[in-house]
Amino acid sequence: WVDREELIDVVTGLSGSGPAYFFAMVEHLIESGISLGLT
C-alpha cells in the first residue's frame, strides 16, 4: 500500500514494468554469450 497516489506511477516504473527490464537483460546476456562462441 502506498500513501500518495503519485507513488502508484513509481510502482508502475519499478515493478509494473520491471519484468521487462529483466527480460531485456537476459536477452542481451544471451546475445553476448553467442557472440563469444556459445550456441
PDB file of all heavy atoms in Angstrom:
ATOM      1  N   TRP A   1       0.846  -1.187   0.000  1.00  0.00           N
ATOM      2  CA  TRP A   1       0.000   0.000   0.000  1.00  0.00           C
ATOM      3  C   TRP A   1       0.882   1.238   0.000  1.00  0.00           C
ATOM      4  O   TRP A   1       1.825   1.324   0.789  1.00  0.00           O
ATOM      5  CB  TRP A   1      -0.908   0.025   1.222  1.00  0.00           C
ATOM      6  CG  TRP A   1      -2.012  -0.985   1.169  1.00  0.00           C
ATOM      7  CD1 TRP A   1      -2.010  -2.242   1.707  1.00  0.00           C
ATOM      8  CD2 TRP A   1      -3.285  -0.826   0.540  1.00  0.00           C
ATOM      9  NE1 TRP A   1      -3.205  -2.877   1.450  1.00  0.00           N
ATOM     10  CE2 TRP A   1      -4.007  -2.033   0.733  1.00  0.00           C
ATOM     11  CE3 TRP A   1      -3.892   0.216  -0.173  1.00  0.00           C
ATOM     12  CZ2 TRP A   1      -5.302  -2.216   0.248  1.00  0.00           C
ATOM     13  CZ3 TRP A   1      -5.180   0.036  -0.655  1.00  0.00           C
ATOM     14  CH2 TRP A   1      -5.866  -1.175  -0.437  1.00  0.00           C
ATOM     15  N   VAL A   2       0.596   2.186  -0.870  1.00  0.00           N
ATOM     16  CA  VAL A   2       1.325   3.456  -0.870  1.00  0.00           C
ATOM     17  C   VAL A   2       0.397   4.549  -0.337  1.00  0.00           C
ATOM     18  O   VAL A   2      -0.830   4.447  -0.439  1.00  0.00           O
ATOM     19  CB  VAL A   2       1.847   3.817  -2.275  1.00  0.00           C
ATOM     20  CG1 VAL A   2       2.873   2.794  -2.736  1.00  0.00           C
ATOM     21  CG2 VAL A   2       0.709   3.914  -3.299  1.00  0.00           C
ATOM     22  N   ASP A   3       0.990   5.591   0.248  1.00  0.00           N
ATOM     23  CA  ASP A   3       0.168   6.602   0.930  1.00  0.00           C
ATOM     24  C   ASP A   3      -0.059   7.861   0.103  1.00  0.00           C
ATOM     25  O   ASP A   3      -0.724   8.795   0.555  1.00  0.00           O
ATOM     26  CB  ASP A   3       0.770   6.965   2.289  1.00  0.00           C
ATOM     27  CG  ASP A   3       2.199   7.479   2.193  1.00  0.00           C
ATOM     28  OD1 ASP A   3       2.677   7.716   1.060  1.00  0.00           O
ATOM     29  OD2 ASP A   3       2.833   7.653   3.246  1.00  0.00           O
ATOM     30  N   ARG A   4       0.488   7.905  -1.121  1.00  0.00           N
ATOM     31  CA  ARG A   4       0.207   9.008  -2.038  1.00  0.00           C
ATOM     32  C   ARG A   4      -0.054   8.425  -3.420  1.00  0.00           C
ATOM     33  O   ARG A   4       0.671   7.523  -3.862  1.00  0.00           O
ATOM     34  CB  ARG A   4       1.381   9.990  -2.112  1.00  0.00           C
ATOM     35  CG  ARG A   4       1.770  10.599  -0.788  1.00  0.00           C
ATOM     36  CD  ARG A   4       2.661  11.825  -0.947  1.00  0.00           C
ATOM     37  NE  ARG A   4       3.757  11.650  -1.874  1.00  0.00           N
ATOM     38  CZ  ARG A   4       4.926  11.082  -1.567  1.00  0.00           C
ATOM     39  NH1 ARG A   4       5.138  10.619  -0.340  1.00  0.00           N
ATOM     40  NH2 ARG A   4       5.877  10.992  -2.477  1.00  0.00           N
ATOM     41  N   GLU A   5      -1.058   8.972  -4.094  1.00  0.00           N
ATOM     42  CA  GLU A   5      -1.458   8.373  -5.369  1.00  0.00           C
ATOM     43  C   GLU A   5      -0.345   8.408  -6.408  1.00  0.00           C
ATOM     44  O   GLU A   5      -0.196   7.466  -7.201  1.00  0.00           O
ATOM     45  CB  GLU A   5      -2.708   9.055  -5.922  1.00  0.00           C
ATOM     46  CG  GLU A   5      -3.233   8.387  -7.185  1.00  0.00           C
ATOM     47  CD  GLU A   5      -4.565   8.918  -7.651  1.00  0.00           C
ATOM     48  OE1 GLU A   5      -5.030   9.947  -7.111  1.00  0.00           O
ATOM     49  OE2 GLU A   5      -5.152   8.309  -8.561  1.00  0.00           O
ATOM     50  N   GLU A   6       0.457   9.469  -6.411  1.00  0.00           N
ATOM     51  CA  GLU A   6       1.502   9.554  -7.422  1.00  0.00           C
ATOM     52  C   GLU A   6       2.525   8.416  -7.309  1.00  0.00           C
ATOM     53  O   GLU A   6       3.236   8.104  -8.271  1.00  0.00           O
ATOM     54  CB  GLU A   6       2.220  10.914  -7.358  1.00  0.00           C
ATOM     55  CG  GLU A   6       2.908  11.221  -6.040  1.00  0.00           C
ATOM     56  CD  GLU A   6       2.044  12.025  -5.080  1.00  0.00           C
ATOM     57  OE1 GLU A   6       0.800  11.897  -5.143  1.00  0.00           O
ATOM     58  OE2 GLU A   6       2.617  12.778  -4.258  1.00  0.00           O
ATOM     59  N   LEU A   7       2.579   7.800  -6.121  1.00  0.00           N
ATOM     60  CA  LEU A   7       3.512   6.682  -5.944  1.00  0.00           C
ATOM     61  C   LEU A   7       3.077   5.430  -6.714  1.00  0.00           C
ATOM     62  O   LEU A   7       3.896   4.540  -6.948  1.00  0.00           O
ATOM     63  CB  LEU A   7       3.684   6.364  -4.457  1.00  0.00           C
ATOM     64  CG  LEU A   7       4.400   7.442  -3.638  1.00  0.00           C
ATOM     65  CD1 LEU A   7       4.478   7.046  -2.172  1.00  0.00           C
ATOM     66  CD2 LEU A   7       5.790   7.728  -4.195  1.00  0.00           C
ATOM     67  N   ILE A   8       1.813   5.370  -7.112  1.00  0.00           N
ATOM     68  CA  ILE A   8       1.381   4.257  -7.961  1.00  0.00           C
ATOM     69  C   ILE A   8       2.133   4.307  -9.298  1.00  0.00           C
ATOM     70  O   ILE A   8       2.478   3.275  -9.882  1.00  0.00           O
ATOM     71  CB  ILE A   8      -0.143   4.287  -8.187  1.00  0.00           C
ATOM     72  CG1 ILE A   8      -0.859   3.738  -6.950  1.00  0.00           C
ATOM     73  CG2 ILE A   8      -0.557   3.457  -9.407  1.00  0.00           C
ATOM     74  CD1 ILE A   8      -0.706   2.229  -6.729  1.00  0.00           C
ATOM     75  N   ASP A   9       2.423   5.526  -9.785  1.00  0.00           N
ATOM     76  CA  ASP A   9       3.207   5.641 -11.016  1.00  0.00           C
ATOM     77  C   ASP A   9       4.640   5.159 -10.800  1.00  0.00           C
ATOM     78  O   ASP A   9       5.250   4.586 -11.712  1.00  0.00           O
ATOM     79  CB  ASP A   9       3.213   7.099 -11.503  1.00  0.00           C
ATOM     80  CG  ASP A   9       1.842   7.562 -11.962  1.00  0.00           C
ATOM     81  OD1 ASP A   9       1.099   6.740 -12.528  1.00  0.00           O
ATOM     82  OD2 ASP A   9       1.509   8.747 -11.735  1.00  0.00           O
ATOM     83  N   VAL A  10       5.172   5.362  -9.591  1.00  0.00           N
ATOM     84  CA  VAL A  10       6.505   4.853  -9.276  1.00  0.00           C
ATOM     85  C   VAL A  10       6.482   3.324  -9.218  1.00  0.00           C
ATOM     86  O   VAL A  10       7.405   2.660  -9.717  1.00  0.00           O
ATOM     87  CB  VAL A  10       7.021   5.443  -7.946  1.00  0.00           C
ATOM     88  CG1 VAL A  10       8.422   4.907  -7.635  1.00  0.00           C
ATOM     89  CG2 VAL A  10       7.030   6.958  -7.993  1.00  0.00           C
ATOM     90  N   VAL A  11       5.439   2.774  -8.621  1.00  0.00           N
ATOM     91  CA  VAL A  11       5.275   1.309  -8.611  1.00  0.00           C
ATOM     92  C   VAL A  11       5.224   0.786 -10.048  1.00  0.00           C
ATOM     93  O   VAL A  11       5.818  -0.251 -10.378  1.00  0.00           O
ATOM     94  CB  VAL A  11       3.996   0.901  -7.848  1.00  0.00           C
ATOM     95  CG1 VAL A  11       3.728  -0.597  -8.002  1.00  0.00           C
ATOM     96  CG2 VAL A  11       4.124   1.253  -6.366  1.00  0.00           C
ATOM     97  N   THR A  12       4.525   1.524 -10.917  1.00  0.00           N
ATOM     98  CA  THR A  12       4.470   1.148 -12.328  1.00  0.00           C
ATOM     99  C   THR A  12       5.863   1.089 -12.928  1.00  0.00           C
ATOM    100  O   THR A  12       6.226   0.128 -13.617  1.00  0.00           O
ATOM    101  CB  THR A  12       3.612   2.150 -13.126  1.00  0.00           C
ATOM    102  OG1 THR A  12       2.294   2.177 -12.582  1.00  0.00           O
ATOM    103  CG2 THR A  12       3.551   1.784 -14.594  1.00  0.00           C
ATOM    104  N   GLY A  13       6.666   2.117 -12.657  1.00  0.00           N
ATOM    105  CA  GLY A  13       8.011   2.181 -13.205  1.00  0.00           C
ATOM    106  C   GLY A  13       8.953   1.148 -12.630  1.00  0.00           C
ATOM    107  O   GLY A  13       9.876   0.685 -13.319  1.00  0.00           O
ATOM    108  N   LEU A  14       8.741   0.769 -11.367  1.00  0.00           N
ATOM    109  CA  LEU A  14       9.631  -0.190 -10.704  1.00  0.00           C
ATOM    110  C   LEU A  14       9.215  -1.640 -10.950  1.00  0.00           C
ATOM    111  O   LEU A  14       9.954  -2.421 -11.562  1.00  0.00           O
ATOM    112  CB  LEU A  14       9.671   0.091  -9.200  1.00  0.00           C
ATOM    113  CG  LEU A  14      10.526  -0.855  -8.356  1.00  0.00           C
ATOM    114  CD1 LEU A  14      11.980  -0.797  -8.772  1.00  0.00           C
ATOM    115  CD2 LEU A  14      10.385  -0.530  -6.875  1.00  0.00           C
ATOM    116  N   SER A  15       8.019  -2.002 -10.488  1.00  0.00           N
ATOM    117  CA  SER A  15       7.619  -3.407 -10.563  1.00  0.00           C
ATOM    118  C   SER A  15       6.611  -3.713 -11.666  1.00  0.00           C
ATOM    119  O   SER A  15       6.568  -4.827 -12.174  1.00  0.00           O
ATOM    120  CB  SER A  15       7.056  -3.876  -9.223  1.00  0.00           C
ATOM    121  OG  SER A  15       5.946  -3.094  -8.825  1.00  0.00           O
ATOM    122  N   GLY A  16       5.777  -2.699 -12.036  1.00  0.00           N
ATOM    123  CA  GLY A  16       4.823  -2.950 -13.103  1.00  0.00           C
ATOM    124  C   GLY A  16       5.521  -3.234 -14.416  1.00  0.00           C
ATOM    125  O   GLY A  16       5.241  -4.224 -15.101  1.00  0.00           O
ATOM    126  N   SER A  17       6.464  -2.371 -14.772  1.00  0.00           N
ATOM    127  CA  SER A  17       7.256  -2.560 -15.989  1.00  0.00           C
ATOM    128  C   SER A  17       8.519  -3.376 -15.732  1.00  0.00           C
ATOM    129  O   SER A  17       9.168  -3.827 -16.684  1.00  0.00           O
ATOM    130  CB  SER A  17       7.660  -1.188 -16.557  1.00  0.00           C
ATOM    131  OG  SER A  17       6.522  -0.418 -16.889  1.00  0.00           O
ATOM    132  N   GLY A  18       8.860  -3.576 -14.465  1.00  0.00           N
ATOM    133  CA  GLY A  18      10.119  -4.207 -14.083  1.00  0.00           C
ATOM    134  C   GLY A  18      10.427  -5.542 -14.726  1.00  0.00           C
ATOM    135  O   GLY A  18      11.582  -5.794 -15.108  1.00  0.00           O
ATOM    136  N   PRO A  19       9.443  -6.467 -14.873  1.00  0.00           N
ATOM    137  CA  PRO A  19       9.781  -7.744 -15.510  1.00  0.00           C
ATOM    138  C   PRO A  19      10.437  -7.587 -16.875  1.00  0.00           C
ATOM    139  O   PRO A  19      11.348  -8.345 -17.230  1.00  0.00           O
ATOM    140  CB  PRO A  19       8.415  -8.435 -15.616  1.00  0.00           C
ATOM    141  CG  PRO A  19       7.660  -7.919 -14.439  1.00  0.00           C
ATOM    142  CD  PRO A  19       8.070  -6.464 -14.342  1.00  0.00           C
ATOM    143  N   ALA A  20      10.002  -6.579 -17.650  1.00  0.00           N
ATOM    144  CA  ALA A  20      10.593  -6.370 -18.975  1.00  0.00           C
ATOM    145  C   ALA A  20      12.062  -5.999 -18.880  1.00  0.00           C
ATOM    146  O   ALA A  20      12.854  -6.326 -19.780  1.00  0.00           O
ATOM    147  CB  ALA A  20       9.827  -5.287 -19.734  1.00  0.00           C
ATOM    148  N   TYR A  21      12.464  -5.324 -17.791  1.00  0.00           N
ATOM    149  CA  TYR A  21      13.869  -4.962 -17.639  1.00  0.00           C
ATOM    150  C   TYR A  21      14.722  -6.227 -17.491  1.00  0.00           C
ATOM    151  O   TYR A  21      15.819  -6.317 -18.059  1.00  0.00           O
ATOM    152  CB  TYR A  21      14.085  -4.065 -16.417  1.00  0.00           C
ATOM    153  CG  TYR A  21      13.146  -2.890 -16.275  1.00  0.00           C
ATOM    154  CD1 TYR A  21      12.918  -2.312 -15.024  1.00  0.00           C
ATOM    155  CD2 TYR A  21      12.462  -2.348 -17.364  1.00  0.00           C
ATOM    156  CE1 TYR A  21      12.065  -1.224 -14.865  1.00  0.00           C
ATOM    157  CE2 TYR A  21      11.601  -1.274 -17.205  1.00  0.00           C
ATOM    158  CZ  TYR A  21      11.403  -0.718 -15.959  1.00  0.00           C
ATOM    159  OH  TYR A  21      10.542   0.343 -15.798  1.00  0.00           O
ATOM    160  N   PHE A  22      14.208  -7.167 -16.722  1.00  0.00           N
ATOM    161  CA  PHE A  22      14.937  -8.426 -16.535  1.00  0.00           C
ATOM    162  C   PHE A  22      14.961  -9.240 -17.824  1.00  0.00           C
ATOM    163  O   PHE A  22      15.976  -9.845 -18.166  1.00  0.00           O
ATOM    164  CB  PHE A  22      14.323  -9.224 -15.385  1.00  0.00           C
ATOM    165  CG  PHE A  22      14.641  -8.670 -14.036  1.00  0.00           C
ATOM    166  CD1 PHE A  22      13.832  -7.715 -13.451  1.00  0.00           C
ATOM    167  CD2 PHE A  22      15.786  -9.063 -13.356  1.00  0.00           C
ATOM    168  CE1 PHE A  22      14.135  -7.173 -12.218  1.00  0.00           C
ATOM    169  CE2 PHE A  22      16.107  -8.538 -12.121  1.00  0.00           C
ATOM    170  CZ  PHE A  22      15.279  -7.587 -11.548  1.00  0.00           C
ATOM    171  N   PHE A  23      13.837  -9.246 -18.540  1.00  0.00           N
ATOM    172  CA  PHE A  23      13.804  -9.970 -19.812  1.00  0.00           C
ATOM    173  C   PHE A  23      14.827  -9.375 -20.786  1.00  0.00           C
ATOM    174  O   PHE A  23      15.517 -10.107 -21.506  1.00  0.00           O
ATOM    175  CB  PHE A  23      12.407  -9.920 -20.428  1.00  0.00           C
ATOM    176  CG  PHE A  23      11.330 -10.524 -19.567  1.00  0.00           C
ATOM    177  CD1 PHE A  23      10.024 -10.060 -19.647  1.00  0.00           C
ATOM    178  CD2 PHE A  23      11.607 -11.557 -18.683  1.00  0.00           C
ATOM    179  CE1 PHE A  23       9.022 -10.609 -18.858  1.00  0.00           C
ATOM    180  CE2 PHE A  23      10.617 -12.115 -17.876  1.00  0.00           C
ATOM    181  CZ  PHE A  23       9.317 -11.642 -17.978  1.00  0.00           C
ATOM    182  N   ALA A  24      14.923  -8.051 -20.813  1.00  0.00           N
ATOM    183  CA  ALA A  24      15.883  -7.391 -21.699  1.00  0.00           C
ATOM    184  C   ALA A  24      17.317  -7.743 -21.298  1.00  0.00           C
ATOM    185  O   ALA A  24      18.179  -7.992 -22.157  1.00  0.00           O
ATOM    186  CB  ALA A  24      15.682  -5.879 -21.671  1.00  0.00           C
ATOM    187  N   MET A  25      17.573  -7.776 -19.991  1.00  0.00           N
ATOM    188  CA  MET A  25      18.917  -8.125 -19.514  1.00  0.00           C
ATOM    189  C   MET A  25      19.289  -9.539 -19.953  1.00  0.00           C
ATOM    190  O   MET A  25      20.392  -9.785 -20.461  1.00  0.00           O
ATOM    191  CB  MET A  25      18.949  -8.018 -17.984  1.00  0.00           C
ATOM    192  CG  MET A  25      20.293  -8.341 -17.361  1.00  0.00           C
ATOM    193  SD  MET A  25      21.551  -7.105 -17.761  1.00  0.00           S
ATOM    194  CE  MET A  25      22.941  -7.712 -16.798  1.00  0.00           C
ATOM    195  N   VAL A  26      18.356 -10.479 -19.786  1.00  0.00           N
ATOM    196  CA  VAL A  26      18.625 -11.864 -20.180  1.00  0.00           C
ATOM    197  C   VAL A  26      18.799 -11.959 -21.691  1.00  0.00           C
ATOM    198  O   VAL A  26      19.672 -12.680 -22.195  1.00  0.00           O
ATOM    199  CB  VAL A  26      17.498 -12.793 -19.686  1.00  0.00           C
ATOM    200  CG1 VAL A  26      17.657 -14.195 -20.261  1.00  0.00           C
ATOM    201  CG2 VAL A  26      17.502 -12.854 -18.163  1.00  0.00           C
ATOM    202  N   GLU A  27      17.980 -11.210 -22.422  1.00  0.00           N
ATOM    203  CA  GLU A  27      18.098 -11.175 -23.883  1.00  0.00           C
ATOM    204  C   GLU A  27      19.515 -10.789 -24.300  1.00  0.00           C
ATOM    205  O   GLU A  27      20.125 -11.416 -25.182  1.00  0.00           O
ATOM    206  CB  GLU A  27      17.076 -10.176 -24.423  1.00  0.00           C
ATOM    207  CG  GLU A  27      17.036 -10.029 -25.919  1.00  0.00           C
ATOM    208  CD  GLU A  27      16.038  -8.965 -26.361  1.00  0.00           C
ATOM    209  OE1 GLU A  27      15.352  -8.379 -25.493  1.00  0.00           O
ATOM    210  OE2 GLU A  27      15.977  -8.707 -27.570  1.00  0.00           O
ATOM    211  N   HIS A  28      20.058  -9.750 -23.649  1.00  0.00           N
ATOM    212  CA  HIS A  28      21.393  -9.278 -24.010  1.00  0.00           C
ATOM    213  C   HIS A  28      22.489 -10.209 -23.497  1.00  0.00           C
ATOM    214  O   HIS A  28      23.539 -10.342 -24.156  1.00  0.00           O
ATOM    215  CB  HIS A  28      21.592  -7.854 -23.500  1.00  0.00           C
ATOM    216  CG  HIS A  28      20.713  -6.855 -24.191  1.00  0.00           C
ATOM    217  ND1 HIS A  28      20.649  -6.739 -25.555  1.00  0.00           N
ATOM    218  CD2 HIS A  28      19.839  -5.946 -23.701  1.00  0.00           C
ATOM    219  CE1 HIS A  28      19.785  -5.794 -25.886  1.00  0.00           C
ATOM    220  NE2 HIS A  28      19.273  -5.303 -24.773  1.00  0.00           N
ATOM    221  N   LEU A  29      22.273 -10.847 -22.355  1.00  0.00           N
ATOM    222  CA  LEU A  29      23.232 -11.856 -21.893  1.00  0.00           C
ATOM    223  C   LEU A  29      23.345 -12.990 -22.900  1.00  0.00           C
ATOM    224  O   LEU A  29      24.448 -13.478 -23.203  1.00  0.00           O
ATOM    225  CB  LEU A  29      22.799 -12.416 -20.535  1.00  0.00           C
ATOM    226  CG  LEU A  29      23.047 -11.560 -19.298  1.00  0.00           C
ATOM    227  CD1 LEU A  29      22.389 -12.196 -18.077  1.00  0.00           C
ATOM    228  CD2 LEU A  29      24.549 -11.374 -19.052  1.00  0.00           C
ATOM    229  N   ILE A  30      22.210 -13.415 -23.429  1.00  0.00           N
ATOM    230  CA  ILE A  30      22.201 -14.496 -24.421  1.00  0.00           C
ATOM    231  C   ILE A  30      22.999 -14.086 -25.658  1.00  0.00           C
ATOM    232  O   ILE A  30      23.857 -14.840 -26.151  1.00  0.00           O
ATOM    233  CB  ILE A  30      20.750 -14.865 -24.801  1.00  0.00           C
ATOM    234  CG1 ILE A  30      20.061 -15.559 -23.623  1.00  0.00           C
ATOM    235  CG2 ILE A  30      20.727 -15.779 -26.036  1.00  0.00           C
ATOM    236  CD1 ILE A  30      18.556 -15.709 -23.796  1.00  0.00           C
ATOM    237  N   GLU A  31      22.724 -12.873 -26.156  1.00  0.00           N
ATOM    238  CA  GLU A  31      23.423 -12.413 -27.361  1.00  0.00           C
ATOM    239  C   GLU A  31      24.919 -12.271 -27.106  1.00  0.00           C
ATOM    240  O   GLU A  31      25.736 -12.563 -27.996  1.00  0.00           O
ATOM    241  CB  GLU A  31      22.823 -11.088 -27.829  1.00  0.00           C
ATOM    242  CG  GLU A  31      21.390 -11.188 -28.322  1.00  0.00           C
ATOM    243  CD  GLU A  31      21.219 -12.203 -29.448  1.00  0.00           C
ATOM    244  OE1 GLU A  31      22.124 -12.291 -30.313  1.00  0.00           O
ATOM    245  OE2 GLU A  31      20.193 -12.905 -29.463  1.00  0.00           O
ATOM    246  N   SER A  32      25.295 -11.839 -25.901  1.00  0.00           N
ATOM    247  CA  SER A  32      26.718 -11.728 -25.569  1.00  0.00           C
ATOM    248  C   SER A  32      27.380 -13.100 -25.583  1.00  0.00           C
ATOM    249  O   SER A  32      28.494 -13.262 -26.108  1.00  0.00           O
ATOM    250  CB  SER A  32      26.896 -11.080 -24.195  1.00  0.00           C
ATOM    251  OG  SER A  32      26.450  -9.747 -24.205  1.00  0.00           O
ATOM    252  N   GLY A  33      26.699 -14.088 -24.980  1.00  0.00           N
ATOM    253  CA  GLY A  33      27.243 -15.445 -24.974  1.00  0.00           C
ATOM    254  C   GLY A  33      27.426 -16.000 -26.371  1.00  0.00           C
ATOM    255  O   GLY A  33      28.438 -16.657 -26.676  1.00  0.00           O
ATOM    256  N   ILE A  34      26.453 -15.723 -27.236  1.00  0.00           N
ATOM    257  CA  ILE A  34      26.529 -16.206 -28.623  1.00  0.00           C
ATOM    258  C   ILE A  34      27.701 -15.556 -29.350  1.00  0.00           C
ATOM    259  O   ILE A  34      28.467 -16.225 -30.060  1.00  0.00           O
ATOM    260  CB  ILE A  34      25.200 -15.918 -29.361  1.00  0.00           C
ATOM    261  CG1 ILE A  34      24.075 -16.771 -28.784  1.00  0.00           C
ATOM    262  CG2 ILE A  34      25.347 -16.174 -30.864  1.00  0.00           C
ATOM    263  CD1 ILE A  34      22.695 -16.362 -29.263  1.00  0.00           C
ATOM    264  N   SER A  35      27.852 -14.232 -29.140  1.00  0.00           N
ATOM    265  CA  SER A  35      28.934 -13.518 -29.843  1.00  0.00           C
ATOM    266  C   SER A  35      30.309 -14.011 -29.415  1.00  0.00           C
ATOM    267  O   SER A  35      31.293 -13.868 -30.158  1.00  0.00           O
ATOM    268  CB  SER A  35      28.822 -12.016 -29.592  1.00  0.00           C
ATOM    269  OG  SER A  35      29.164 -11.690 -28.250  1.00  0.00           O
ATOM    270  N   LEU A  36      30.383 -14.612 -28.221  1.00  0.00           N
ATOM    271  CA  LEU A  36      31.666 -15.114 -27.711  1.00  0.00           C
ATOM    272  C   LEU A  36      31.847 -16.614 -27.936  1.00  0.00           C
ATOM    273  O   LEU A  36      32.817 -17.197 -27.451  1.00  0.00           O
ATOM    274  CB  LEU A  36      31.789 -14.778 -26.223  1.00  0.00           C
ATOM    275  CG  LEU A  36      31.918 -13.284 -25.906  1.00  0.00           C
ATOM    276  CD1 LEU A  36      31.774 -13.020 -24.419  1.00  0.00           C
ATOM    277  CD2 LEU A  36      33.244 -12.735 -26.423  1.00  0.00           C
ATOM    278  N   GLY A  37      30.901 -17.243 -28.667  1.00  0.00           N
ATOM    279  CA  GLY A  37      31.129 -18.617 -29.090  1.00  0.00           C
ATOM    280  C   GLY A  37      30.143 -19.675 -28.642  1.00  0.00           C
ATOM    281  O   GLY A  37      30.163 -20.801 -29.136  1.00  0.00           O
ATOM    282  N   LEU A  38      29.265 -19.368 -27.673  1.00  0.00           N
ATOM    283  CA  LEU A  38      28.277 -20.350 -27.250  1.00  0.00           C
ATOM    284  C   LEU A  38      27.184 -20.499 -28.309  1.00  0.00           C
ATOM    285  O   LEU A  38      26.931 -19.580 -29.094  1.00  0.00           O
ATOM    286  CB  LEU A  38      27.630 -19.938 -25.925  1.00  0.00           C
ATOM    287  CG  LEU A  38      28.525 -19.922 -24.688  1.00  0.00           C
ATOM    288  CD1 LEU A  38      27.756 -19.331 -23.508  1.00  0.00           C
ATOM    289  CD2 LEU A  38      29.024 -21.320 -24.340  1.00  0.00           C
ATOM    290  N   THR A  39      26.533 -21.648 -28.329  1.00  0.00           N
ATOM    291  CA  THR A  39      25.365 -21.788 -29.194  1.00  0.00           C
ATOM    292  C   THR A  39      24.195 -21.025 -28.563  1.00  0.00           C
ATOM    293  O   THR A  39      24.199 -20.735 -27.363  1.00  0.00           O
ATOM    294  CB  THR A  39      24.945 -23.256 -29.370  1.00  0.00           C
ATOM    295  OG1 THR A  39      24.461 -23.749 -28.109  1.00  0.00           O
ATOM    296  CG2 THR A  39      26.110 -24.117 -29.852  1.00  0.00           C
TER     297      THR A  39
END
